[in-house]
Amino acid sequence: MNFQPLKDFLDYYLPMIGVPGSDTVIYMDHEEIFRHTAGFDSLMQRTPMRRDLIYNIYSCSKLATAIAALQLVERGELVVTDPVYAYLPEFKNLTVKVKDSAGKVIGTRPAEKTMLISHLLTMTSGMNYDTKSRSIEQAIAATEGRAPTVDICRAMANEPLEFEPGDDYYYSLSLDVMAGIVEVISGKRFSDYMAENVFLPLGMKDTGYHPDPTKRDRFAAQYAYDKMTHRVTEVPFEECHCRFGADYDSGGGGVVSTVDDYILLVDALANGGVAKNGNRILCSRSVELMRANALT
């Protein structure tokens, strides 16, 4: 295969649009067929990209959470048509925003439809991505900053929905709630469940929900992008808007991982749920369900 056009894209085009550096890998049939690093990890220190860097992978966390949910479906412990309130009772009496013709919120009303597990997995729950909502901040304060996962998820039910569950699509905190449900069903902290059932079986040794301070020398620089100036500024690795507290495992954005680790998860899905090391994390039918279009 001729990978030169891809190398040129990574070496020249990405820096032109403000991406400081990149580390790219391609697997085929469980084997690495391409790997290329380009640019800088830290722009300030001019340190080049390294292959062992640990990243905040933010919303790439959602894929792992969906895998966990489907594992529970395979075991008969969860059904995608189950109501969310069966596991988090606070989600039984939800409200929906009432908006005027200009889209301004003028009030709320009781929701007419029930939020289902399938709505969480397809981002059709009606929730939004307000990580600083009053309900979340109150729950953080009530737990003295610890923010246990299930406590925060229960608090999210107090916020009004953008629309009736199932009526539309809106990128949201839905997968964070899914993580809370995995915790309720399994009886384990979400990060522990994921380590035991997803990350370690795949061989993802540097992946988890909170940065390991003993690996600090491998933390990748992260950046904030200014749309007005088209410039980036470095942000401390520990700053992650998805981590509400020491006890919060964000199913939607809390994972830290490496390129070498994350490709193992993607590779397993590309091979019907079977990992490079031979472990199976999902059956092939579950993988096909993940691939299926669930939206209108």
C-alpha atoms as a PDB file:
ATOM      1  CA  MET A   1       0.000   0.000   0.000  1.00  0.00           C
ATOM      2  CA  ASN A   2       1.177   3.524  -0.738  1.00  0.00           C
ATOM      3  CA  PHE A   3       0.871   5.540   2.459  1.00  0.00           C
ATOM      4  CA  GLN A   4       2.834   8.551   1.203  1.00  0.00           C
ATOM      5  CA  PRO A   5      -0.291  10.707   0.596  1.00  0.00           C
ATOM      6  CA  LEU A   6      -1.358  10.034   4.190  1.00  0.00           C
ATOM      7  CA  LYS A   7       2.115  10.901   5.511  1.00  0.00           C
ATOM      8  CA  ASP A   8       2.048  14.148   3.515  1.00  0.00           C
ATOM      9  CA  PHE A   9      -1.353  14.980   5.003  1.00  0.00           C
ATOM     10  CA  LEU A  10      -0.092  14.369   8.543  1.00  0.00           C
ATOM     11  CA  ASP A  11       3.252  16.121   8.053  1.00  0.00           C
ATOM     12  CA  TYR A  12       2.116  19.213   6.168  1.00  0.00           C
ATOM     13  CA  TYR A  13      -1.640  19.762   6.103  1.00  0.00           C
ATOM     14  CA  LEU A  14      -2.496  19.195   9.755  1.00  0.00           C
ATOM     15  CA  PRO A  15       0.049  21.767  11.016  1.00  0.00           C
ATOM     16  CA  MET A  16      -1.351  24.248   8.471  1.00  0.00           C
ATOM     17  CA  ILE A  17      -4.795  24.073  10.110  1.00  0.00           C
ATOM     18  CA  GLY A  18      -3.440  24.362  13.660  1.00  0.00           C
ATOM     19  CA  VAL A  19      -2.958  20.762  14.778  1.00  0.00           C
ATOM     20  CA  PRO A  20       0.388  20.732  16.660  1.00  0.00           C
ATOM     21  CA  GLY A  21       1.100  17.035  16.309  1.00  0.00           C
ATOM     22  CA  SER A  22      -0.363  13.647  15.527  1.00  0.00           C
ATOM     23  CA  ASP A  23       0.241   9.948  16.093  1.00  0.00           C
ATOM     24  CA  THR A  24      -1.536   7.713  13.587  1.00  0.00           C
ATOM     25  CA  VAL A  25      -1.843   3.936  13.430  1.00  0.00           C
ATOM     26  CA  ILE A  26      -3.706   1.587  11.093  1.00  0.00           C
ATOM     27  CA  TYR A  27      -4.366  -2.091  11.808  1.00  0.00           C
ATOM     28  CA  MET A  28      -5.501  -4.792   9.408  1.00  0.00           C
ATOM     29  CA  ASP A  29      -6.377  -8.301  10.613  1.00  0.00           C
ATOM     30  CA  HIS A  30      -4.928  -7.585  14.076  1.00  0.00           C
ATOM     31  CA  GLU A  31      -1.594  -6.366  12.701  1.00  0.00           C
ATOM     32  CA  GLU A  32      -0.129  -2.877  12.463  1.00  0.00           C
ATOM     33  CA  ILE A  33       0.376  -1.876   8.827  1.00  0.00           C
ATOM     34  CA  PHE A  34       1.014   1.851   9.311  1.00  0.00           C
ATOM     35  CA  ARG A  35       2.361   4.040  12.100  1.00  0.00           C
ATOM     36  CA  HIS A  36       3.511   7.628  11.807  1.00  0.00           C
ATOM     37  CA  THR A  37       4.138  10.453  14.241  1.00  0.00           C
ATOM     38  CA  ALA A  38       4.330  14.062  13.096  1.00  0.00           C
ATOM     39  CA  GLY A  39       4.780  17.477  14.640  1.00  0.00           C
ATOM     40  CA  PHE A  40       5.149  18.352  18.293  1.00  0.00           C
ATOM     41  CA  ASP A  41       3.717  17.182  21.567  1.00  0.00           C
ATOM     42  CA  SER A  42       4.502  20.468  23.316  1.00  0.00           C
ATOM     43  CA  LEU A  43       4.639  23.543  21.118  1.00  0.00           C
ATOM     44  CA  MET A  44       6.098  25.615  23.933  1.00  0.00           C
ATOM     45  CA  GLN A  45       8.990  23.246  24.606  1.00  0.00           C
ATOM     46  CA  ARG A  46       9.249  22.043  20.986  1.00  0.00           C
ATOM     47  CA  THR A  47       9.237  18.420  22.088  1.00  0.00           C
ATOM     48  CA  PRO A  48       8.389  15.973  19.278  1.00  0.00           C
ATOM     49  CA  MET A  49       5.504  13.538  19.366  1.00  0.00           C
ATOM     50  CA  ARG A  50       6.179  10.252  21.157  1.00  0.00           C
ATOM     51  CA  ARG A  51       4.475   6.930  20.621  1.00  0.00           C
ATOM     52  CA  ASP A  52       3.998   6.237  24.336  1.00  0.00           C
ATOM     53  CA  LEU A  53       2.120   9.428  25.207  1.00  0.00           C
ATOM     54  CA  ILE A  54      -1.023   9.215  27.354  1.00  0.00           C
ATOM     55  CA  TYR A  55      -3.961  11.363  26.225  1.00  0.00           C
ATOM     56  CA  ASN A  56      -7.249  12.575  27.579  1.00  0.00           C
ATOM     57  CA  ILE A  57      -9.359  10.971  24.846  1.00  0.00           C
ATOM     58  CA  TYR A  58     -12.589  12.744  25.846  1.00  0.00           C
ATOM     59  CA  SER A  59     -15.545  11.549  23.751  1.00  0.00           C
ATOM     60  CA  CYS A  60     -13.661   8.545  22.376  1.00  0.00           C
ATOM     61  CA  SER A  61     -14.624   7.195  25.822  1.00  0.00           C
ATOM     62  CA  LYS A  62     -18.196   6.759  24.603  1.00  0.00           C
ATOM     63  CA  LEU A  63     -17.319   3.786  22.419  1.00  0.00           C
ATOM     64  CA  ALA A  64     -16.053   1.835  25.426  1.00  0.00           C
ATOM     65  CA  THR A  65     -19.181   2.678  27.421  1.00  0.00           C
ATOM     66  CA  ALA A  66     -21.401   1.414  24.602  1.00  0.00           C
ATOM     67  CA  ILE A  67     -19.412  -1.833  24.614  1.00  0.00           C
ATOM     68  CA  ALA A  68     -20.032  -2.205  28.356  1.00  0.00           C
ATOM     69  CA  ALA A  69     -23.776  -1.682  27.866  1.00  0.00           C
ATOM     70  CA  LEU A  70     -23.955  -4.330  25.144  1.00  0.00           C
ATOM     71  CA  GLN A  71     -22.006  -6.776  27.301  1.00  0.00           C
ATOM     72  CA  LEU A  72     -24.793  -6.485  29.872  1.00  0.00           C
ATOM     73  CA  VAL A  73     -27.368  -6.998  27.117  1.00  0.00           C
ATOM     74  CA  GLU A  74     -25.580 -10.182  26.046  1.00  0.00           C
ATOM     75  CA  ARG A  75     -25.686 -11.452  29.635  1.00  0.00           C
ATOM     76  CA  GLY A  76     -29.406 -10.768  29.918  1.00  0.00           C
ATOM     77  CA  GLU A  77     -28.914  -8.139  32.615  1.00  0.00           C
ATOM     78  CA  LEU A  78     -30.090  -5.242  30.438  1.00  0.00           C
ATOM     79  CA  VAL A  79     -32.528  -4.734  27.554  1.00  0.00           C
ATOM     80  CA  VAL A  80     -32.241  -1.717  25.256  1.00  0.00           C
ATOM     81  CA  THR A  81     -35.996  -1.114  25.531  1.00  0.00           C
ATOM     82  CA  ASP A  82     -35.797  -0.909  29.329  1.00  0.00           C
ATOM     83  CA  PRO A  83     -36.782   2.449  30.821  1.00  0.00           C
ATOM     84  CA  VAL A  84     -33.874   4.341  32.343  1.00  0.00           C
ATOM     85  CA  TYR A  85     -35.909   4.787  35.528  1.00  0.00           C
ATOM     86  CA  ALA A  86     -35.783   1.015  36.114  1.00  0.00           C
ATOM     87  CA  TYR A  87     -32.170   1.572  37.181  1.00  0.00           C
ATOM     88  CA  LEU A  88     -32.207   5.252  38.146  1.00  0.00           C
ATOM     89  CA  PRO A  89     -35.697   6.023  39.547  1.00  0.00           C
ATOM     90  CA  GLU A  90     -35.066   9.767  39.347  1.00  0.00           C
ATOM     91  CA  PHE A  91     -35.570   9.529  35.578  1.00  0.00           C
ATOM     92  CA  LYS A  92     -39.249   8.546  35.899  1.00  0.00           C
ATOM     93  CA  ASN A  93     -40.769  12.009  36.192  1.00  0.00           C
ATOM     94  CA  LEU A  94     -38.821  14.077  33.683  1.00  0.00           C
ATOM     95  CA  THR A  95     -39.589  17.529  32.345  1.00  0.00           C
ATOM     96  CA  VAL A  96     -39.156  19.050  28.892  1.00  0.00           C
ATOM     97  CA  LYS A  97     -38.303  22.624  27.992  1.00  0.00           C
ATOM     98  CA  VAL A  98     -41.052  24.756  26.462  1.00  0.00           C
ATOM     99  CA  LYS A  99     -39.710  27.163  23.841  1.00  0.00           C
ATOM    100  CA  ASP A 100     -41.231  30.044  21.914  1.00  0.00           C
ATOM    101  CA  SER A 101     -41.040  30.483  18.140  1.00  0.00           C
ATOM    102  CA  ALA A 102     -37.553  32.017  18.463  1.00  0.00           C
ATOM    103  CA  GLY A 103     -36.248  29.039  20.404  1.00  0.00           C
ATOM    104  CA  LYS A 104     -36.156  30.845  23.757  1.00  0.00           C
ATOM    105  CA  VAL A 105     -37.005  28.710  26.783  1.00  0.00           C
ATOM    106  CA  ILE A 106     -40.177  30.055  28.404  1.00  0.00           C
ATOM    107  CA  GLY A 107     -40.966  27.212  30.781  1.00  0.00           C
ATOM    108  CA  THR A 108     -41.098  23.465  31.312  1.00  0.00           C
ATOM    109  CA  ARG A 109     -43.746  20.752  31.181  1.00  0.00           C
ATOM    110  CA  PRO A 110     -43.917  17.082  32.213  1.00  0.00           C
ATOM    111  CA  ALA A 111     -42.422  14.692  29.660  1.00  0.00           C
ATOM    112  CA  GLU A 112     -44.974  12.521  27.889  1.00  0.00           C
ATOM    113  CA  LYS A 113     -42.557   9.824  26.745  1.00  0.00           C
ATOM    114  CA  THR A 114     -40.307   7.497  28.722  1.00  0.00           C
ATOM    115  CA  MET A 115     -36.547   7.658  28.325  1.00  0.00           C
ATOM    116  CA  LEU A 116     -35.182   4.244  27.284  1.00  0.00           C
ATOM    117  CA  ILE A 117     -31.722   2.678  27.318  1.00  0.00           C
ATOM    118  CA  SER A 118     -31.752   2.846  23.503  1.00  0.00           C
ATOM    119  CA  HIS A 119     -32.215   6.614  23.718  1.00  0.00           C
ATOM    120  CA  LEU A 120     -29.035   6.918  25.770  1.00  0.00           C
ATOM    121  CA  LEU A 121     -27.039   4.822  23.312  1.00  0.00           C
ATOM    122  CA  THR A 122     -28.261   6.773  20.266  1.00  0.00           C
ATOM    123  CA  MET A 123     -28.130  10.296  21.734  1.00  0.00           C
ATOM    124  CA  THR A 124     -31.879  10.683  21.364  1.00  0.00           C
ATOM    125  CA  SER A 125     -32.603  10.988  25.092  1.00  0.00           C
ATOM    126  CA  GLY A 126     -33.321  14.715  24.959  1.00  0.00           C
ATOM    127  CA  MET A 127     -30.473  15.483  27.357  1.00  0.00           C
ATOM    128  CA  ASN A 128     -27.859  18.155  26.616  1.00  0.00           C
ATOM    129  CA  TYR A 129     -24.149  18.601  27.381  1.00  0.00           C
ATOM    130  CA  ASP A 130     -24.332  21.210  30.122  1.00  0.00           C
ATOM    131  CA  THR A 131     -21.550  20.010  32.421  1.00  0.00           C
ATOM    132  CA  LYS A 132     -22.053  23.046  34.641  1.00  0.00           C
ATOM    133  CA  SER A 133     -25.790  22.738  35.172  1.00  0.00           C
ATOM    134  CA  ARG A 134     -27.172  23.752  38.549  1.00  0.00           C
ATOM    135  CA  SER A 135     -28.118  20.155  39.376  1.00  0.00           C
ATOM    136  CA  ILE A 136     -24.631  18.821  38.688  1.00  0.00           C
ATOM    137  CA  GLU A 137     -22.919  21.579  40.635  1.00  0.00           C
ATOM    138  CA  GLN A 138     -25.271  21.049  43.599  1.00  0.00           C
ATOM    139  CA  ALA A 139     -24.514  17.310  43.574  1.00  0.00           C
ATOM    140  CA  ILE A 140     -20.776  18.005  43.484  1.00  0.00           C
ATOM    141  CA  ALA A 141     -21.111  20.343  46.448  1.00  0.00           C
ATOM    142  CA  ALA A 142     -23.313  17.880  48.361  1.00  0.00           C
ATOM    143  CA  THR A 143     -20.619  15.193  48.039  1.00  0.00           C
ATOM    144  CA  GLU A 144     -17.858  17.628  49.043  1.00  0.00           C
ATOM    145  CA  GLY A 145     -16.303  17.455  45.610  1.00  0.00           C
ATOM    146  CA  ARG A 146     -16.063  13.675  45.365  1.00  0.00           C
ATOM    147  CA  ALA A 147     -18.907  13.439  42.822  1.00  0.00           C
ATOM    148  CA  PRO A 148     -19.627   9.669  42.827  1.00  0.00           C
ATOM    149  CA  THR A 149     -20.784   8.596  39.380  1.00  0.00           C
ATOM    150  CA  VAL A 150     -24.292   7.420  40.286  1.00  0.00           C
ATOM    151  CA  ASP A 151     -24.944  10.459  42.486  1.00  0.00           C
ATOM    152  CA  ILE A 152     -24.167  12.801  39.593  1.00  0.00           C
ATOM    153  CA  CYS A 153     -26.249  10.758  37.157  1.00  0.00           C
ATOM    154  CA  ARG A 154     -29.236  10.897  39.494  1.00  0.00           C
ATOM    155  CA  ALA A 155     -28.816  14.669  39.704  1.00  0.00           C
ATOM    156  CA  MET A 156     -28.892  14.976  35.891  1.00  0.00           C
ATOM    157  CA  ALA A 157     -32.523  13.829  35.948  1.00  0.00           C
ATOM    158  CA  ASN A 158     -33.469  17.159  37.551  1.00  0.00           C
ATOM    159  CA  GLU A 159     -32.542  19.099  34.431  1.00  0.00           C
ATOM    160  CA  PRO A 160     -35.286  19.619  31.790  1.00  0.00           C
ATOM    161  CA  LEU A 161     -34.876  17.838  28.475  1.00  0.00           C
ATOM    162  CA  GLU A 162     -34.445  19.624  25.157  1.00  0.00           C
ATOM    163  CA  PHE A 163     -37.210  17.476  23.606  1.00  0.00           C
ATOM    164  CA  GLU A 164     -39.235  14.312  24.233  1.00  0.00           C
ATOM    165  CA  PRO A 165     -37.074  11.164  24.411  1.00  0.00           C
ATOM    166  CA  GLY A 166     -36.759   9.599  20.970  1.00  0.00           C
ATOM    167  CA  ASP A 167     -38.040  12.636  19.058  1.00  0.00           C
ATOM    168  CA  ASP A 168     -34.697  14.046  17.907  1.00  0.00           C
ATOM    169  CA  TYR A 169     -30.905  13.748  18.116  1.00  0.00           C
ATOM    170  CA  TYR A 170     -28.750  15.881  20.403  1.00  0.00           C
ATOM    171  CA  TYR A 171     -25.156  15.162  21.446  1.00  0.00           C
ATOM    172  CA  SER A 172     -25.306  14.946  25.205  1.00  0.00           C
ATOM    173  CA  LEU A 173     -24.402  13.455  28.578  1.00  0.00           C
ATOM    174  CA  SER A 174     -26.390  10.329  27.694  1.00  0.00           C
ATOM    175  CA  LEU A 175     -23.366   8.017  27.852  1.00  0.00           C
ATOM    176  CA  ASP A 176     -22.470   9.386  31.277  1.00  0.00           C
ATOM    177  CA  VAL A 177     -25.883   8.205  32.465  1.00  0.00           C
ATOM    178  CA  MET A 178     -25.224   4.868  30.760  1.00  0.00           C
ATOM    179  CA  ALA A 179     -22.076   4.528  32.859  1.00  0.00           C
ATOM    180  CA  GLY A 180     -24.130   5.086  36.000  1.00  0.00           C
ATOM    181  CA  ILE A 181     -26.511   2.322  34.935  1.00  0.00           C
ATOM    182  CA  VAL A 182     -23.607  -0.079  34.321  1.00  0.00           C
ATOM    183  CA  GLU A 183     -22.467   0.700  37.848  1.00  0.00           C
ATOM    184  CA  VAL A 184     -25.931   0.040  39.297  1.00  0.00           C
ATOM    185  CA  ILE A 185     -26.351  -3.278  37.457  1.00  0.00           C
ATOM    186  CA  SER A 186     -22.837  -4.603  38.030  1.00  0.00           C
ATOM    187  CA  GLY A 187     -22.531  -3.445  41.623  1.00  0.00           C
ATOM    188  CA  LYS A 188     -19.022  -2.274  40.793  1.00  0.00           C
ATOM    189  CA  ARG A 189     -17.530   1.156  40.351  1.00  0.00           C
ATOM    190  CA  PHE A 190     -17.704   1.906  36.630  1.00  0.00           C
ATOM    191  CA  SER A 191     -13.931   2.258  36.257  1.00  0.00           C
ATOM    192  CA  ASP A 192     -13.443  -1.149  37.911  1.00  0.00           C
ATOM    193  CA  TYR A 193     -16.037  -2.775  35.659  1.00  0.00           C
ATOM    194  CA  MET A 194     -14.368  -1.341  32.578  1.00  0.00           C
ATOM    195  CA  ALA A 195     -10.906  -2.464  33.654  1.00  0.00           C
ATOM    196  CA  GLU A 196     -12.090  -6.012  34.326  1.00  0.00           C
ATOM    197  CA  ASN A 197     -14.391  -6.445  31.331  1.00  0.00           C
ATOM    198  CA  VAL A 198     -13.002  -4.236  28.556  1.00  0.00           C
ATOM    199  CA  PHE A 199      -9.581  -2.683  29.031  1.00  0.00           C
ATOM    200  CA  LEU A 200      -7.549  -5.503  30.604  1.00  0.00           C
ATOM    201  CA  PRO A 201      -9.060  -8.275  28.439  1.00  0.00           C
ATOM    202  CA  LEU A 202      -7.973  -6.248  25.407  1.00  0.00           C
ATOM    203  CA  GLY A 203      -4.489  -5.664  26.804  1.00  0.00           C
ATOM    204  CA  MET A 204      -5.013  -1.922  27.287  1.00  0.00           C
ATOM    205  CA  LYS A 205      -2.493  -1.494  30.102  1.00  0.00           C
ATOM    206  CA  ASP A 206      -2.331   2.318  30.086  1.00  0.00           C
ATOM    207  CA  THR A 207      -6.075   2.990  29.911  1.00  0.00           C
ATOM    208  CA  GLY A 208      -8.387   4.100  32.710  1.00  0.00           C
ATOM    209  CA  TYR A 209     -10.577   6.916  34.003  1.00  0.00           C
ATOM    210  CA  HIS A 210      -8.103   8.962  35.985  1.00  0.00           C
ATOM    211  CA  PRO A 211      -4.492   9.932  35.188  1.00  0.00           C
ATOM    212  CA  ASP A 212      -1.895   7.812  36.990  1.00  0.00           C
ATOM    213  CA  PRO A 213       0.512  10.318  38.610  1.00  0.00           C
ATOM    214  CA  THR A 214       3.379   7.799  38.356  1.00  0.00           C
ATOM    215  CA  LYS A 215       3.143   8.148  34.556  1.00  0.00           C
ATOM    216  CA  ARG A 216       3.221  11.936  34.558  1.00  0.00           C
ATOM    217  CA  ASP A 217       6.276  12.105  32.293  1.00  0.00           C
ATOM    218  CA  ARG A 218       4.126  10.529  29.551  1.00  0.00           C
ATOM    219  CA  PHE A 219       1.137  12.879  29.799  1.00  0.00           C
ATOM    220  CA  ALA A 220       0.551  14.488  26.411  1.00  0.00           C
ATOM    221  CA  ALA A 221       0.222  18.239  26.123  1.00  0.00           C
ATOM    222  CA  GLN A 222      -3.363  19.283  25.446  1.00  0.00           C
ATOM    223  CA  TYR A 223      -4.614  22.470  23.900  1.00  0.00           C
ATOM    224  CA  ALA A 224      -7.506  24.888  23.756  1.00  0.00           C
ATOM    225  CA  TYR A 225      -8.323  26.199  20.291  1.00  0.00           C
ATOM    226  CA  ASP A 226      -9.448  29.799  19.774  1.00  0.00           C
ATOM    227  CA  LYS A 227     -11.836  29.983  16.819  1.00  0.00           C
ATOM    228  CA  MET A 228     -11.343  33.736  16.480  1.00  0.00           C
ATOM    229  CA  THR A 229      -7.535  33.843  16.379  1.00  0.00           C
ATOM    230  CA  HIS A 230      -7.051  30.291  15.055  1.00  0.00           C
ATOM    231  CA  ARG A 231      -4.390  29.776  17.704  1.00  0.00           C
ATOM    232  CA  VAL A 232      -3.896  27.105  20.337  1.00  0.00           C
ATOM    233  CA  THR A 233      -2.777  27.438  23.942  1.00  0.00           C
ATOM    234  CA  GLU A 234      -1.566  24.617  26.162  1.00  0.00           C
ATOM    235  CA  VAL A 235      -3.859  23.483  28.967  1.00  0.00           C
ATOM    236  CA  PRO A 236      -2.706  21.400  31.976  1.00  0.00           C
ATOM    237  CA  PHE A 237      -3.298  17.674  31.405  1.00  0.00           C
ATOM    238  CA  GLU A 238      -5.256  17.392  34.646  1.00  0.00           C
ATOM    239  CA  GLU A 239      -7.832  19.884  33.377  1.00  0.00           C
ATOM    240  CA  CYS A 240     -10.713  17.859  31.938  1.00  0.00           C
ATOM    241  CA  HIS A 241     -14.273  19.210  32.031  1.00  0.00           C
ATOM    242  CA  CYS A 242     -15.577  15.621  32.051  1.00  0.00           C
ATOM    243  CA  ARG A 243     -14.151  14.804  35.492  1.00  0.00           C
ATOM    244  CA  PHE A 244     -16.435  16.315  38.109  1.00  0.00           C
ATOM    245  CA  GLY A 245     -14.544  14.862  41.068  1.00  0.00           C
ATOM    246  CA  ALA A 246     -12.219  12.119  42.285  1.00  0.00           C
ATOM    247  CA  ASP A 247     -15.049   9.548  42.415  1.00  0.00           C
ATOM    248  CA  TYR A 248     -16.592  10.384  39.048  1.00  0.00           C
ATOM    249  CA  ASP A 249     -15.951   8.015  36.136  1.00  0.00           C
ATOM    250  CA  SER A 250     -17.251   9.772  33.036  1.00  0.00           C
ATOM    251  CA  GLY A 251     -18.617   7.278  30.536  1.00  0.00           C
ATOM    252  CA  GLY A 252     -18.826  10.077  28.016  1.00  0.00           C
ATOM    253  CA  GLY A 253     -15.398  11.649  28.297  1.00  0.00           C
ATOM    254  CA  GLY A 254     -13.230  10.512  31.189  1.00  0.00           C
ATOM    255  CA  VAL A 255     -10.847   7.964  29.701  1.00  0.00           C
ATOM    256  CA  VAL A 256      -7.098   8.420  29.443  1.00  0.00           C
ATOM    257  CA  SER A 257      -5.367   6.146  26.935  1.00  0.00           C
ATOM    258  CA  THR A 258      -2.571   5.735  24.415  1.00  0.00           C
ATOM    259  CA  VAL A 259      -2.584   5.191  20.668  1.00  0.00           C
ATOM    260  CA  ASP A 260      -1.210   1.678  21.194  1.00  0.00           C
ATOM    261  CA  ASP A 261      -4.030   0.890  23.637  1.00  0.00           C
ATOM    262  CA  TYR A 262      -6.959   2.445  21.834  1.00  0.00           C
ATOM    263  CA  ILE A 263      -6.210   0.728  18.528  1.00  0.00           C
ATOM    264  CA  LEU A 264      -6.706  -2.590  20.354  1.00  0.00           C
ATOM    265  CA  LEU A 265     -10.303  -1.639  21.151  1.00  0.00           C
ATOM    266  CA  VAL A 266     -11.015  -0.473  17.613  1.00  0.00           C
ATOM    267  CA  ASP A 267      -9.298  -3.536  16.155  1.00  0.00           C
ATOM    268  CA  ALA A 268     -11.467  -5.864  18.243  1.00  0.00           C
ATOM    269  CA  LEU A 269     -14.633  -4.243  16.898  1.00  0.00           C
ATOM    270  CA  ALA A 270     -13.282  -4.431  13.346  1.00  0.00           C
ATOM    271  CA  ASN A 271     -12.826  -8.167  13.858  1.00  0.00           C
ATOM    272  CA  GLY A 272     -16.268  -9.078  15.166  1.00  0.00           C
ATOM    273  CA  GLY A 273     -15.548  -8.472  18.842  1.00  0.00           C
ATOM    274  CA  VAL A 274     -12.374 -10.568  19.048  1.00  0.00           C
ATOM    275  CA  ALA A 275      -9.177  -8.908  20.264  1.00  0.00           C
ATOM    276  CA  LYS A 276      -5.663  -9.306  18.908  1.00  0.00           C
ATOM    277  CA  ASN A 277      -4.846 -11.487  21.933  1.00  0.00           C
ATOM    278  CA  GLY A 278      -7.816 -13.756  21.184  1.00  0.00           C
ATOM    279  CA  ASN A 279     -10.120 -12.504  23.935  1.00  0.00           C
ATOM    280  CA  ARG A 280     -13.711 -11.789  22.940  1.00  0.00           C
ATOM    281  CA  ILE A 281     -15.342  -8.659  24.367  1.00  0.00           C
ATOM    282  CA  LEU A 282     -18.583  -8.783  22.326  1.00  0.00           C
ATOM    283  CA  CYS A 283     -20.343 -11.241  20.078  1.00  0.00           C
ATOM    284  CA  SER A 284     -20.446 -10.423  16.371  1.00  0.00           C
ATOM    285  CA  ARG A 285     -24.187  -9.675  16.495  1.00  0.00           C
ATOM    286  CA  SER A 286     -23.595  -6.956  19.084  1.00  0.00           C
ATOM    287  CA  VAL A 287     -20.912  -5.422  16.890  1.00  0.00           C
ATOM    288  CA  GLU A 288     -23.332  -5.402  13.960  1.00  0.00           C
ATOM    289  CA  LEU A 289     -25.925  -3.689  16.156  1.00  0.00           C
ATOM    290  CA  MET A 290     -23.375  -0.974  16.928  1.00  0.00           C
ATOM    291  CA  ARG A 291     -22.805  -0.502  13.195  1.00  0.00           C
ATOM    292  CA  ALA A 292     -26.503  -0.307  12.318  1.00  0.00           C
ATOM    293  CA  ASN A 293     -28.095   3.073  11.615  1.00  0.00           C
ATOM    294  CA  ALA A 294     -30.381   3.804  14.561  1.00  0.00           C
ATOM    295  CA  LEU A 295     -31.521   7.266  13.450  1.00  0.00           C
ATOM    296  CA  THR A 296     -34.164   8.461  11.012  1.00  0.00           C
END
